[in-house]
Amino acid sequence: MKKQPRKDLGDFEQMSQVIPTKTIKDNGTIAIRNGIKPNNNKDIFPTRKPDWLRFTNSFTPKFKEVKRIVKENHLNTVCAEAMCPNINECWSHGTATFMLLGDVCTRACKFCAVDTGNPRGRLDKKEPYKVAQSIKKMALKYAVLTSVNRDDLADGGAKHYSNTIKAVKETCPKVMVEALTPDFEGKNRSISILLSSNLDVFAQNVETVERLTFRVRDPRAGYQQTLNVLEKAKKFNPDVLTKTSLMLGLGETTKEIESTMMDAYSVGVEILTLGQYLRPTLNHLPVERYIPPEEFLHYKNIAKEIGFKEVASGPMVRSSYRADKVAHLLQGN
C-alpha cells in the first residue's frame, strides 16, 4: 500500500503556488491578494489554538434579520467579509462595521489580509447614500465606518468619509457613528474635515507597541504618527470620543503594553481595546504567543486604573468589538 504524504507544511507550500498572488477587481484595479506576497513566514508552521480561542455560535433572530438584509441588498460589511468571530454578538446588539473607499488598500501591513494595490483615485460616488440606506434598512443603533488606506487620494479619502457620515446622520439621526480611520499621513486638513462631520467616536489604531511597529505595520504608518493623529482629533473636536486598539501576541512585553497604554492616554484617548493577534494566512506574521484570558483581564484593570473611560480586553476582542458599549459615554456628553 502506497504511503500517503503527511499533511504538513509542504501542502501549504504547494497550495500557495496554486493560488494566484494577484487579482483584478471589478473596477479594474490590480491588487495583491491578501495583501502580502509569499515569503519566509510560510515556513513557520502555525501552532494549535488554545481552548479559549475556540467558540460556537448561536444565531439570534436579530442576527438572522441583519444577515437577510445584507444578502438581499448586496451590502458589504467587514464583519462578514473578515469572518469576524464576534459577528453574532455584535449584529444581535444592533452594531455593524462597513468598509468605505473600496476593498484595495494602498498599504501592506504584515498582519492584515486586505488586498493591496493602487486604486488610482477610483471612488464610488454613490457609496455615502448606499451606506446610509443600508444602516436604515438594518435598523442599527450604532454603526462603525472603517476603510482601507487611500494614499492615492490627496486627502486620503477624508472628504468621502465625511460625506458618508453626514449622509448617515441625515438619514438616521439617532444612529451613533464611529469612524475607524486611516492615519491620513497625519495631514491636519484631512483630520479636520473628518472631525467636522458630526461623528461620535474617532478611532485610529496604534496596533502594536513602538518597538514592533516597523515589523508589524506598513513603513508609511508610524507609532508616533498615530498618536499625533489621535491628539489632533481631540484638539479639533473635544466633544468627540477618541479610541485606539492594540493587538497582543506579536512578541511585546508587559512593560511595553503598559507604556503604550500610557502613551495613548497622554494624548487624550478615552476608549481602548486589546485583543489577540490571529494570523490570517501563512504568509503573515506568526503568532508569538497566545495570551490567556486572565492576562487580558489584568491589562483591562491596569487600563482602568490609568483612567480610560471604556476598556474591552479579551482574546476575541477586535477594534470594533461591541462598539455600542460606549453609548453611555456619548449620552453623557
C-alpha atoms as a PDB file:
ATOM      1  CA  MET A   1       0.000   0.000   0.000  1.00  0.00           C
ATOM      2  CA  LYS A   2       1.350   3.376  -1.035  1.00  0.00           C
ATOM      3  CA  LYS A   3       2.156   5.612   1.921  1.00  0.00           C
ATOM      4  CA  GLN A   4       0.117   8.803   1.951  1.00  0.00           C
ATOM      5  CA  PRO A   5       2.109  12.030   2.277  1.00  0.00           C
ATOM      6  CA  ARG A   6       1.773  13.727   5.660  1.00  0.00           C
ATOM      7  CA  LYS A   7      -0.379  16.861   5.556  1.00  0.00           C
ATOM      8  CA  ASP A   8       2.158  19.296   6.921  1.00  0.00           C
ATOM      9  CA  LEU A   9       3.820  22.495   5.768  1.00  0.00           C
ATOM     10  CA  GLY A  10       4.578  21.007   2.336  1.00  0.00           C
ATOM     11  CA  ASP A  11       0.884  21.001   1.475  1.00  0.00           C
ATOM     12  CA  PHE A  12       0.584  24.662   2.387  1.00  0.00           C
ATOM     13  CA  GLU A  13       3.618  25.474   0.233  1.00  0.00           C
ATOM     14  CA  GLN A  14       2.061  23.668  -2.732  1.00  0.00           C
ATOM     15  CA  MET A  15      -1.243  25.471  -2.229  1.00  0.00           C
ATOM     16  CA  SER A  16       0.482  28.872  -2.118  1.00  0.00           C
ATOM     17  CA  GLN A  17       1.862  28.113  -5.579  1.00  0.00           C
ATOM     18  CA  VAL A  18      -1.609  27.255  -6.922  1.00  0.00           C
ATOM     19  CA  ILE A  19      -3.413  30.312  -5.513  1.00  0.00           C
ATOM     20  CA  PRO A  20      -2.603  33.356  -7.667  1.00  0.00           C
ATOM     21  CA  THR A  21      -0.708  36.192  -5.980  1.00  0.00           C
ATOM     22  CA  LYS A  22      -2.570  38.923  -7.862  1.00  0.00           C
ATOM     23  CA  THR A  23      -6.217  39.575  -8.571  1.00  0.00           C
ATOM     24  CA  ILE A  24      -8.135  42.006 -10.791  1.00  0.00           C
ATOM     25  CA  LYS A  25     -11.041  43.784  -9.103  1.00  0.00           C
ATOM     26  CA  ASP A  26     -14.364  44.601 -10.763  1.00  0.00           C
ATOM     27  CA  ASN A  27     -13.234  48.213 -11.272  1.00  0.00           C
ATOM     28  CA  GLY A  28     -10.030  47.099 -12.997  1.00  0.00           C
ATOM     29  CA  THR A  29      -7.666  47.618 -10.060  1.00  0.00           C
ATOM     30  CA  ILE A  30      -4.835  45.078  -9.926  1.00  0.00           C
ATOM     31  CA  ALA A  31      -4.181  44.021  -6.338  1.00  0.00           C
ATOM     32  CA  ILE A  32      -2.024  41.629  -4.355  1.00  0.00           C
ATOM     33  CA  ARG A  33      -4.316  39.004  -2.898  1.00  0.00           C
ATOM     34  CA  ASN A  34      -4.491  39.010   0.919  1.00  0.00           C
ATOM     35  CA  GLY A  35      -2.177  41.998   0.955  1.00  0.00           C
ATOM     36  CA  ILE A  36       1.087  40.086   1.022  1.00  0.00           C
ATOM     37  CA  LYS A  37       3.324  38.104  -1.335  1.00  0.00           C
ATOM     38  CA  PRO A  38       4.697  34.649  -0.463  1.00  0.00           C
ATOM     39  CA  ASN A  39       7.624  34.982   1.949  1.00  0.00           C
ATOM     40  CA  ASN A  40       9.616  33.074   4.565  1.00  0.00           C
ATOM     41  CA  ASN A  41       6.824  33.331   7.125  1.00  0.00           C
ATOM     42  CA  LYS A  42       5.186  30.384   5.371  1.00  0.00           C
ATOM     43  CA  ASP A  43       7.970  28.163   6.711  1.00  0.00           C
ATOM     44  CA  ILE A  44       6.803  28.804  10.272  1.00  0.00           C
ATOM     45  CA  PHE A  45       4.067  26.269  10.880  1.00  0.00           C
ATOM     46  CA  PRO A  46       1.084  27.547  12.949  1.00  0.00           C
ATOM     47  CA  THR A  47       0.648  26.173  16.443  1.00  0.00           C
ATOM     48  CA  ARG A  48      -2.628  24.786  17.731  1.00  0.00           C
ATOM     49  CA  LYS A  49      -5.006  27.386  19.144  1.00  0.00           C
ATOM     50  CA  PRO A  50      -5.786  27.086  22.844  1.00  0.00           C
ATOM     51  CA  ASP A  51      -9.256  26.149  24.052  1.00  0.00           C
ATOM     52  CA  TRP A  52     -10.172  29.728  24.947  1.00  0.00           C
ATOM     53  CA  LEU A  53      -9.982  30.669  21.255  1.00  0.00           C
ATOM     54  CA  ARG A  54     -12.486  28.001  20.274  1.00  0.00           C
ATOM     55  CA  PHE A  55     -16.122  29.019  20.196  1.00  0.00           C
ATOM     56  CA  THR A  56     -19.593  28.058  18.979  1.00  0.00           C
ATOM     57  CA  ASN A  57     -22.152  30.451  17.564  1.00  0.00           C
ATOM     58  CA  SER A  58     -25.846  30.589  18.388  1.00  0.00           C
ATOM     59  CA  PHE A  59     -27.677  32.878  15.996  1.00  0.00           C
ATOM     60  CA  THR A  60     -30.376  35.185  17.372  1.00  0.00           C
ATOM     61  CA  PRO A  61     -33.426  36.418  15.431  1.00  0.00           C
ATOM     62  CA  LYS A  62     -31.811  39.881  15.197  1.00  0.00           C
ATOM     63  CA  PHE A  63     -28.681  38.372  13.670  1.00  0.00           C
ATOM     64  CA  LYS A  64     -30.744  36.459  11.103  1.00  0.00           C
ATOM     65  CA  GLU A  65     -32.668  39.604  10.233  1.00  0.00           C
ATOM     66  CA  VAL A  66     -29.497  41.634   9.652  1.00  0.00           C
ATOM     67  CA  LYS A  67     -27.985  38.798   7.619  1.00  0.00           C
ATOM     68  CA  ARG A  68     -31.089  38.652   5.408  1.00  0.00           C
ATOM     69  CA  ILE A  69     -30.990  42.403   4.757  1.00  0.00           C
ATOM     70  CA  VAL A  70     -27.283  42.259   3.941  1.00  0.00           C
ATOM     71  CA  LYS A  71     -27.829  39.443   1.447  1.00  0.00           C
ATOM     72  CA  GLU A  72     -30.946  40.869  -0.209  1.00  0.00           C
ATOM     73  CA  ASN A  73     -29.394  44.309  -0.691  1.00  0.00           C
ATOM     74  CA  HIS A  74     -25.917  43.101  -1.693  1.00  0.00           C
ATOM     75  CA  LEU A  75     -24.306  45.015   1.158  1.00  0.00           C
ATOM     76  CA  ASN A  76     -20.696  44.699   2.278  1.00  0.00           C
ATOM     77  CA  THR A  77     -19.671  44.565   5.919  1.00  0.00           C
ATOM     78  CA  VAL A  78     -16.264  43.941   7.379  1.00  0.00           C
ATOM     79  CA  CYS A  79     -17.980  41.660   9.885  1.00  0.00           C
ATOM     80  CA  ALA A  80     -18.917  39.139   7.200  1.00  0.00           C
ATOM     81  CA  GLU A  81     -16.017  39.598   4.767  1.00  0.00           C
ATOM     82  CA  ALA A  82     -13.401  39.197   7.505  1.00  0.00           C
ATOM     83  CA  MET A  83     -15.349  36.309   9.086  1.00  0.00           C
ATOM     84  CA  CYS A  84     -15.186  38.035  12.447  1.00  0.00           C
ATOM     85  CA  PRO A  85     -15.828  35.619  15.334  1.00  0.00           C
ATOM     86  CA  ASN A  86     -17.920  38.267  17.091  1.00  0.00           C
ATOM     87  CA  ILE A  87     -20.378  38.807  14.230  1.00  0.00           C
ATOM     88  CA  ASN A  88     -23.330  37.190  16.011  1.00  0.00           C
ATOM     89  CA  GLU A  89     -22.854  39.133  19.247  1.00  0.00           C
ATOM     90  CA  CYS A  90     -22.391  42.499  17.526  1.00  0.00           C
ATOM     91  CA  TRP A  91     -25.185  42.124  14.967  1.00  0.00           C
ATOM     92  CA  SER A  92     -27.525  40.847  17.667  1.00  0.00           C
ATOM     93  CA  HIS A  93     -26.929  44.072  19.576  1.00  0.00           C
ATOM     94  CA  GLY A  94     -27.525  46.289  16.554  1.00  0.00           C
ATOM     95  CA  THR A  95     -23.901  47.057  15.646  1.00  0.00           C
ATOM     96  CA  ALA A  96     -22.172  46.526  12.281  1.00  0.00           C
ATOM     97  CA  THR A  97     -18.977  47.701  10.569  1.00  0.00           C
ATOM     98  CA  PHE A  98     -18.950  48.976   6.980  1.00  0.00           C
ATOM     99  CA  MET A  99     -15.885  49.265   4.758  1.00  0.00           C
ATOM    100  CA  LEU A 100     -15.525  52.537   2.825  1.00  0.00           C
ATOM    101  CA  LEU A 101     -13.285  53.649  -0.055  1.00  0.00           C
ATOM    102  CA  GLY A 102     -13.191  50.277  -1.778  1.00  0.00           C
ATOM    103  CA  ASP A 103     -11.536  46.987  -0.876  1.00  0.00           C
ATOM    104  CA  VAL A 104      -7.973  47.661  -2.049  1.00  0.00           C
ATOM    105  CA  CYS A 105      -5.543  49.244   0.406  1.00  0.00           C
ATOM    106  CA  THR A 106      -2.530  51.262  -0.704  1.00  0.00           C
ATOM    107  CA  ARG A 107      -0.530  49.904   2.237  1.00  0.00           C
ATOM    108  CA  ALA A 108       0.628  46.425   3.193  1.00  0.00           C
ATOM    109  CA  CYS A 109       0.719  45.794   6.927  1.00  0.00           C
ATOM    110  CA  LYS A 110       2.110  42.381   7.824  1.00  0.00           C
ATOM    111  CA  PHE A 111      -0.871  41.430   9.994  1.00  0.00           C
ATOM    112  CA  CYS A 112      -3.694  42.389   7.614  1.00  0.00           C
ATOM    113  CA  ALA A 113      -5.267  40.284   4.851  1.00  0.00           C
ATOM    114  CA  VAL A 114      -6.922  43.118   2.883  1.00  0.00           C
ATOM    115  CA  ASP A 115      -5.819  43.161  -0.767  1.00  0.00           C
ATOM    116  CA  THR A 116      -3.235  45.838  -1.581  1.00  0.00           C
ATOM    117  CA  GLY A 117      -2.664  47.860  -4.728  1.00  0.00           C
ATOM    118  CA  ASN A 118      -3.177  51.283  -6.288  1.00  0.00           C
ATOM    119  CA  PRO A 119      -6.856  52.140  -6.977  1.00  0.00           C
ATOM    120  CA  ARG A 120      -5.650  55.217  -8.924  1.00  0.00           C
ATOM    121  CA  GLY A 121      -8.235  57.575  -7.496  1.00  0.00           C
ATOM    122  CA  ARG A 122     -11.277  55.374  -8.156  1.00  0.00           C
ATOM    123  CA  LEU A 123     -14.222  56.095  -5.840  1.00  0.00           C
ATOM    124  CA  ASP A 124     -17.848  55.011  -5.681  1.00  0.00           C
ATOM    125  CA  LYS A 125     -19.591  58.396  -5.528  1.00  0.00           C
ATOM    126  CA  LYS A 126     -22.846  56.698  -4.525  1.00  0.00           C
ATOM    127  CA  GLU A 127     -21.307  54.968  -1.527  1.00  0.00           C
ATOM    128  CA  PRO A 128     -22.378  57.575   1.091  1.00  0.00           C
ATOM    129  CA  TYR A 129     -26.018  57.177   0.046  1.00  0.00           C
ATOM    130  CA  LYS A 130     -25.816  53.381  -0.142  1.00  0.00           C
ATOM    131  CA  VAL A 131     -24.235  53.057   3.293  1.00  0.00           C
ATOM    132  CA  ALA A 132     -26.808  55.391   4.857  1.00  0.00           C
ATOM    133  CA  GLN A 133     -29.683  53.418   3.327  1.00  0.00           C
ATOM    134  CA  SER A 134     -28.097  50.149   4.452  1.00  0.00           C
ATOM    135  CA  ILE A 135     -27.901  51.333   8.050  1.00  0.00           C
ATOM    136  CA  LYS A 136     -31.539  52.413   7.875  1.00  0.00           C
ATOM    137  CA  LYS A 137     -32.665  49.036   6.497  1.00  0.00           C
ATOM    138  CA  MET A 138     -30.674  47.169   9.137  1.00  0.00           C
ATOM    139  CA  ALA A 139     -32.161  49.353  11.901  1.00  0.00           C
ATOM    140  CA  LEU A 140     -28.777  49.747  13.536  1.00  0.00           C
ATOM    141  CA  LYS A 141     -28.277  51.710  16.734  1.00  0.00           C
ATOM    142  CA  TYR A 142     -24.523  52.084  16.303  1.00  0.00           C
ATOM    143  CA  ALA A 143     -22.553  51.999  13.051  1.00  0.00           C
ATOM    144  CA  VAL A 144     -18.811  51.706  12.626  1.00  0.00           C
ATOM    145  CA  LEU A 145     -17.351  53.047   9.391  1.00  0.00           C
ATOM    146  CA  THR A 146     -13.857  51.847   8.639  1.00  0.00           C
ATOM    147  CA  SER A 147     -11.826  51.937   5.441  1.00  0.00           C
ATOM    148  CA  VAL A 148      -8.708  50.961   3.607  1.00  0.00           C
ATOM    149  CA  ASN A 149      -5.826  53.444   3.360  1.00  0.00           C
ATOM    150  CA  ARG A 150      -6.083  55.568   0.224  1.00  0.00           C
ATOM    151  CA  ASP A 151      -2.721  57.279  -0.197  1.00  0.00           C
ATOM    152  CA  ASP A 152      -3.603  57.703  -3.884  1.00  0.00           C
ATOM    153  CA  LEU A 153      -6.092  60.430  -2.916  1.00  0.00           C
ATOM    154  CA  ALA A 154      -4.857  63.912  -1.988  1.00  0.00           C
ATOM    155  CA  ASP A 155      -6.911  63.977   1.226  1.00  0.00           C
ATOM    156  CA  GLY A 156      -6.632  60.242   1.905  1.00  0.00           C
ATOM    157  CA  GLY A 157     -10.389  59.906   1.353  1.00  0.00           C
ATOM    158  CA  ALA A 158     -11.328  62.265   4.211  1.00  0.00           C
ATOM    159  CA  LYS A 159     -13.975  64.158   2.219  1.00  0.00           C
ATOM    160  CA  HIS A 160     -15.620  60.921   1.065  1.00  0.00           C
ATOM    161  CA  TYR A 161     -15.553  59.645   4.642  1.00  0.00           C
ATOM    162  CA  SER A 162     -17.097  62.912   5.867  1.00  0.00           C
ATOM    163  CA  ASN A 163     -19.834  62.791   3.205  1.00  0.00           C
ATOM    164  CA  THR A 164     -20.737  59.258   4.287  1.00  0.00           C
ATOM    165  CA  ILE A 165     -21.027  60.210   7.957  1.00  0.00           C
ATOM    166  CA  LYS A 166     -23.191  63.214   7.080  1.00  0.00           C
ATOM    167  CA  ALA A 167     -25.430  61.036   4.904  1.00  0.00           C
ATOM    168  CA  VAL A 168     -25.864  58.543   7.746  1.00  0.00           C
ATOM    169  CA  LYS A 169     -26.696  61.293  10.239  1.00  0.00           C
ATOM    170  CA  GLU A 170     -29.231  62.865   7.870  1.00  0.00           C
ATOM    171  CA  THR A 171     -30.909  59.527   7.145  1.00  0.00           C
ATOM    172  CA  CYS A 172     -30.710  58.094  10.672  1.00  0.00           C
ATOM    173  CA  PRO A 173     -30.329  60.991  13.143  1.00  0.00           C
ATOM    174  CA  LYS A 174     -30.374  58.732  16.210  1.00  0.00           C
ATOM    175  CA  VAL A 175     -27.648  56.372  14.989  1.00  0.00           C
ATOM    176  CA  MET A 176     -24.283  56.845  16.678  1.00  0.00           C
ATOM    177  CA  VAL A 177     -21.329  56.726  14.273  1.00  0.00           C
ATOM    178  CA  GLU A 178     -17.778  55.621  14.948  1.00  0.00           C
ATOM    179  CA  ALA A 179     -15.085  56.253  12.325  1.00  0.00           C
ATOM    180  CA  LEU A 180     -12.154  53.829  12.432  1.00  0.00           C
ATOM    181  CA  THR A 181      -9.920  55.732  10.052  1.00  0.00           C
ATOM    182  CA  PRO A 182      -6.572  55.619   8.267  1.00  0.00           C
ATOM    183  CA  ASP A 183      -3.897  57.999   9.564  1.00  0.00           C
ATOM    184  CA  PHE A 184      -4.270  60.323   6.539  1.00  0.00           C
ATOM    185  CA  GLU A 185      -0.458  60.651   6.681  1.00  0.00           C
ATOM    186  CA  GLY A 186      -1.042  62.928   9.643  1.00  0.00           C
ATOM    187  CA  LYS A 187      -2.404  65.755   7.471  1.00  0.00           C
ATOM    188  CA  ASN A 188      -4.205  68.409   9.513  1.00  0.00           C
ATOM    189  CA  ARG A 189      -6.592  69.281   6.687  1.00  0.00           C
ATOM    190  CA  SER A 190      -7.844  65.690   6.312  1.00  0.00           C
ATOM    191  CA  ILE A 191      -8.273  65.196  10.049  1.00  0.00           C
ATOM    192  CA  SER A 192     -10.196  68.465  10.423  1.00  0.00           C
ATOM    193  CA  ILE A 193     -12.511  67.568   7.504  1.00  0.00           C
ATOM    194  CA  LEU A 194     -13.448  64.320   9.214  1.00  0.00           C
ATOM    195  CA  LEU A 195     -13.842  65.880  12.655  1.00  0.00           C
ATOM    196  CA  SER A 196     -16.333  68.373  11.200  1.00  0.00           C
ATOM    197  CA  SER A 197     -18.708  65.631  10.036  1.00  0.00           C
ATOM    198  CA  ASN A 198     -20.728  65.223  13.260  1.00  0.00           C
ATOM    199  CA  LEU A 199     -19.237  61.816  14.088  1.00  0.00           C
ATOM    200  CA  ASP A 200     -19.399  60.498  17.650  1.00  0.00           C
ATOM    201  CA  VAL A 201     -16.221  58.440  18.010  1.00  0.00           C
ATOM    202  CA  PHE A 202     -12.893  58.860  16.201  1.00  0.00           C
ATOM    203  CA  ALA A 203     -10.652  55.784  16.171  1.00  0.00           C
ATOM    204  CA  GLN A 204      -7.154  55.239  14.825  1.00  0.00           C
ATOM    205  CA  ASN A 205      -5.339  52.072  15.802  1.00  0.00           C
ATOM    206  CA  VAL A 206      -1.818  52.088  17.191  1.00  0.00           C
ATOM    207  CA  GLU A 207      -1.940  48.290  16.520  1.00  0.00           C
ATOM    208  CA  THR A 208       1.245  47.307  18.412  1.00  0.00           C
ATOM    209  CA  VAL A 209       3.953  48.591  20.723  1.00  0.00           C
ATOM    210  CA  GLU A 210       6.528  51.081  19.452  1.00  0.00           C
ATOM    211  CA  ARG A 211       9.397  48.578  19.173  1.00  0.00           C
ATOM    212  CA  LEU A 212       7.405  46.272  16.884  1.00  0.00           C
ATOM    213  CA  THR A 213       5.738  48.937  14.736  1.00  0.00           C
ATOM    214  CA  PHE A 214       8.119  48.746  11.770  1.00  0.00           C
ATOM    215  CA  ARG A 215       7.970  44.941  11.754  1.00  0.00           C
ATOM    216  CA  VAL A 216       4.168  44.816  12.006  1.00  0.00           C
ATOM    217  CA  ARG A 217       2.847  47.858  10.122  1.00  0.00           C
ATOM    218  CA  ASP A 218       3.455  49.362   6.692  1.00  0.00           C
ATOM    219  CA  PRO A 219       6.550  51.647   6.635  1.00  0.00           C
ATOM    220  CA  ARG A 220       4.297  54.637   5.888  1.00  0.00           C
ATOM    221  CA  ALA A 221       2.477  54.119   9.176  1.00  0.00           C
ATOM    222  CA  GLY A 222       4.075  55.024  12.469  1.00  0.00           C
ATOM    223  CA  TYR A 223       3.604  54.711  16.204  1.00  0.00           C
ATOM    224  CA  GLN A 224       4.121  58.415  16.852  1.00  0.00           C
ATOM    225  CA  GLN A 225       2.122  59.377  13.772  1.00  0.00           C
ATOM    226  CA  THR A 226      -0.928  57.501  15.102  1.00  0.00           C
ATOM    227  CA  LEU A 227      -0.571  59.172  18.499  1.00  0.00           C
ATOM    228  CA  ASN A 228      -0.284  62.563  16.799  1.00  0.00           C
ATOM    229  CA  VAL A 229      -3.441  61.931  14.756  1.00  0.00           C
ATOM    230  CA  LEU A 230      -5.388  60.946  17.876  1.00  0.00           C
ATOM    231  CA  GLU A 231      -4.155  64.038  19.703  1.00  0.00           C
ATOM    232  CA  LYS A 232      -5.063  66.314  16.792  1.00  0.00           C
ATOM    233  CA  ALA A 233      -8.537  64.764  16.564  1.00  0.00           C
ATOM    234  CA  LYS A 234      -9.217  65.561  20.207  1.00  0.00           C
ATOM    235  CA  LYS A 235      -7.981  69.120  19.774  1.00  0.00           C
ATOM    236  CA  PHE A 236     -10.050  69.699  16.615  1.00  0.00           C
ATOM    237  CA  ASN A 237     -13.218  68.498  18.357  1.00  0.00           C
ATOM    238  CA  PRO A 238     -13.020  67.923  22.143  1.00  0.00           C
ATOM    239  CA  ASP A 239     -16.596  66.565  22.188  1.00  0.00           C
ATOM    240  CA  VAL A 240     -15.669  63.561  20.033  1.00  0.00           C
ATOM    241  CA  LEU A 241     -14.538  60.465  21.917  1.00  0.00           C
ATOM    242  CA  THR A 242     -11.173  59.065  20.785  1.00  0.00           C
ATOM    243  CA  LYS A 243     -10.277  55.401  20.645  1.00  0.00           C
ATOM    244  CA  THR A 244      -7.367  53.111  19.782  1.00  0.00           C
ATOM    245  CA  SER A 245      -6.644  49.372  19.706  1.00  0.00           C
ATOM    246  CA  LEU A 246      -3.726  47.110  20.446  1.00  0.00           C
ATOM    247  CA  MET A 247      -3.075  43.556  19.235  1.00  0.00           C
ATOM    248  CA  LEU A 248      -1.262  41.225  21.612  1.00  0.00           C
ATOM    249  CA  GLY A 249       0.735  38.093  20.870  1.00  0.00           C
ATOM    250  CA  LEU A 250       3.325  39.568  18.498  1.00  0.00           C
ATOM    251  CA  GLY A 251       6.255  39.498  20.904  1.00  0.00           C
ATOM    252  CA  GLU A 252       5.545  42.544  23.055  1.00  0.00           C
ATOM    253  CA  THR A 253       6.401  42.667  26.769  1.00  0.00           C
ATOM    254  CA  THR A 254       4.145  43.592  29.685  1.00  0.00           C
ATOM    255  CA  LYS A 255       6.169  46.753  30.254  1.00  0.00           C
ATOM    256  CA  GLU A 256       5.741  47.744  26.588  1.00  0.00           C
ATOM    257  CA  ILE A 257       1.986  47.185  26.741  1.00  0.00           C
ATOM    258  CA  GLU A 258       1.672  49.366  29.819  1.00  0.00           C
ATOM    259  CA  SER A 259       3.870  52.042  28.211  1.00  0.00           C
ATOM    260  CA  THR A 260       1.683  52.032  25.086  1.00  0.00           C
ATOM    261  CA  MET A 261      -1.442  52.446  27.185  1.00  0.00           C
ATOM    262  CA  MET A 262       0.143  55.397  28.972  1.00  0.00           C
ATOM    263  CA  ASP A 263       1.170  56.972  25.643  1.00  0.00           C
ATOM    264  CA  ALA A 264      -2.387  56.661  24.310  1.00  0.00           C
ATOM    265  CA  TYR A 265      -3.925  58.091  27.463  1.00  0.00           C
ATOM    266  CA  SER A 266      -1.473  61.012  27.438  1.00  0.00           C
ATOM    267  CA  VAL A 267      -2.836  62.216  24.056  1.00  0.00           C
ATOM    268  CA  GLY A 268      -6.440  62.108  25.207  1.00  0.00           C
ATOM    269  CA  VAL A 269      -7.567  58.624  24.161  1.00  0.00           C
ATOM    270  CA  GLU A 270     -10.627  57.579  26.187  1.00  0.00           C
ATOM    271  CA  ILE A 271     -11.536  54.158  24.774  1.00  0.00           C
ATOM    272  CA  LEU A 272      -9.135  51.213  24.470  1.00  0.00           C
ATOM    273  CA  THR A 273      -9.479  47.698  23.088  1.00  0.00           C
ATOM    274  CA  LEU A 274      -6.977  44.870  23.422  1.00  0.00           C
ATOM    275  CA  GLY A 275      -7.273  41.570  21.561  1.00  0.00           C
ATOM    276  CA  GLN A 276      -5.324  38.523  20.461  1.00  0.00           C
ATOM    277  CA  TYR A 277      -3.500  38.734  17.129  1.00  0.00           C
ATOM    278  CA  LEU A 278      -4.564  35.851  14.875  1.00  0.00           C
ATOM    279  CA  ARG A 279      -2.580  35.038  11.745  1.00  0.00           C
ATOM    280  CA  PRO A 280      -4.819  35.370   8.653  1.00  0.00           C
ATOM    281  CA  THR A 281      -2.553  33.385   6.239  1.00  0.00           C
ATOM    282  CA  LEU A 282       0.767  31.559   6.384  1.00  0.00           C
ATOM    283  CA  ASN A 283       2.489  34.500   4.706  1.00  0.00           C
ATOM    284  CA  HIS A 284       1.510  36.863   7.523  1.00  0.00           C
ATOM    285  CA  LEU A 285       3.392  37.281  10.778  1.00  0.00           C
ATOM    286  CA  PRO A 286       3.251  34.202  13.004  1.00  0.00           C
ATOM    287  CA  VAL A 287       1.679  34.354  16.440  1.00  0.00           C
ATOM    288  CA  GLU A 288       4.430  34.566  19.044  1.00  0.00           C
ATOM    289  CA  ARG A 289       2.172  33.757  21.995  1.00  0.00           C
ATOM    290  CA  TYR A 290      -1.483  33.166  22.808  1.00  0.00           C
ATOM    291  CA  ILE A 291      -2.436  35.430  25.692  1.00  0.00           C
ATOM    292  CA  PRO A 292      -4.696  33.747  28.293  1.00  0.00           C
ATOM    293  CA  PRO A 293      -7.979  35.421  29.343  1.00  0.00           C
ATOM    294  CA  GLU A 294      -6.743  36.180  32.853  1.00  0.00           C
ATOM    295  CA  GLU A 295      -3.849  38.198  31.416  1.00  0.00           C
ATOM    296  CA  PHE A 296      -6.246  40.225  29.295  1.00  0.00           C
ATOM    297  CA  LEU A 297      -8.253  40.910  32.462  1.00  0.00           C
ATOM    298  CA  HIS A 298      -5.053  42.084  34.144  1.00  0.00           C
ATOM    299  CA  TYR A 299      -4.408  44.573  31.335  1.00  0.00           C
ATOM    300  CA  LYS A 300      -8.008  45.758  31.496  1.00  0.00           C
ATOM    301  CA  ASN A 301      -7.624  46.522  35.196  1.00  0.00           C
ATOM    302  CA  ILE A 302      -4.410  48.437  34.536  1.00  0.00           C
ATOM    303  CA  ALA A 303      -6.089  50.439  31.748  1.00  0.00           C
ATOM    304  CA  LYS A 304      -8.986  51.341  34.046  1.00  0.00           C
ATOM    305  CA  GLU A 305      -6.519  52.420  36.740  1.00  0.00           C
ATOM    306  CA  ILE A 306      -4.739  54.623  34.193  1.00  0.00           C
ATOM    307  CA  GLY A 307      -8.046  56.371  33.544  1.00  0.00           C
ATOM    308  CA  PHE A 308      -9.568  55.078  30.287  1.00  0.00           C
ATOM    309  CA  LYS A 309     -13.338  55.546  30.284  1.00  0.00           C
ATOM    310  CA  GLU A 310     -14.103  52.279  28.482  1.00  0.00           C
ATOM    311  CA  VAL A 311     -11.900  49.196  28.008  1.00  0.00           C
ATOM    312  CA  ALA A 312     -12.610  45.988  26.076  1.00  0.00           C
ATOM    313  CA  SER A 313      -9.901  43.399  26.631  1.00  0.00           C
ATOM    314  CA  GLY A 314     -10.027  39.714  25.732  1.00  0.00           C
ATOM    315  CA  PRO A 315      -8.752  37.077  23.300  1.00  0.00           C
ATOM    316  CA  MET A 316     -11.653  37.528  20.866  1.00  0.00           C
ATOM    317  CA  VAL A 317     -11.875  41.328  21.109  1.00  0.00           C
ATOM    318  CA  ARG A 318     -11.398  43.262  17.862  1.00  0.00           C
ATOM    319  CA  SER A 319     -11.126  47.012  17.397  1.00  0.00           C
ATOM    320  CA  SER A 320     -14.866  47.362  16.707  1.00  0.00           C
ATOM    321  CA  TYR A 321     -15.999  44.725  19.191  1.00  0.00           C
ATOM    322  CA  ARG A 322     -19.362  45.678  20.754  1.00  0.00           C
ATOM    323  CA  ALA A 323     -18.663  49.315  19.871  1.00  0.00           C
ATOM    324  CA  ASP A 324     -22.170  50.132  21.081  1.00  0.00           C
ATOM    325  CA  LYS A 325     -20.975  49.736  24.677  1.00  0.00           C
ATOM    326  CA  VAL A 326     -19.670  53.315  24.539  1.00  0.00           C
ATOM    327  CA  ALA A 327     -23.217  54.640  24.037  1.00  0.00           C
ATOM    328  CA  HIS A 328     -23.481  55.566  27.710  1.00  0.00           C
ATOM    329  CA  LEU A 329     -20.429  57.792  27.328  1.00  0.00           C
ATOM    330  CA  LEU A 330     -21.974  59.571  24.347  1.00  0.00           C
ATOM    331  CA  GLN A 331     -25.281  60.060  26.104  1.00  0.00           C
ATOM    332  CA  GLY A 332     -23.417  61.659  28.959  1.00  0.00           C
ATOM    333  CA  ASN A 333     -21.772  64.240  26.696  1.00  0.00           C
END
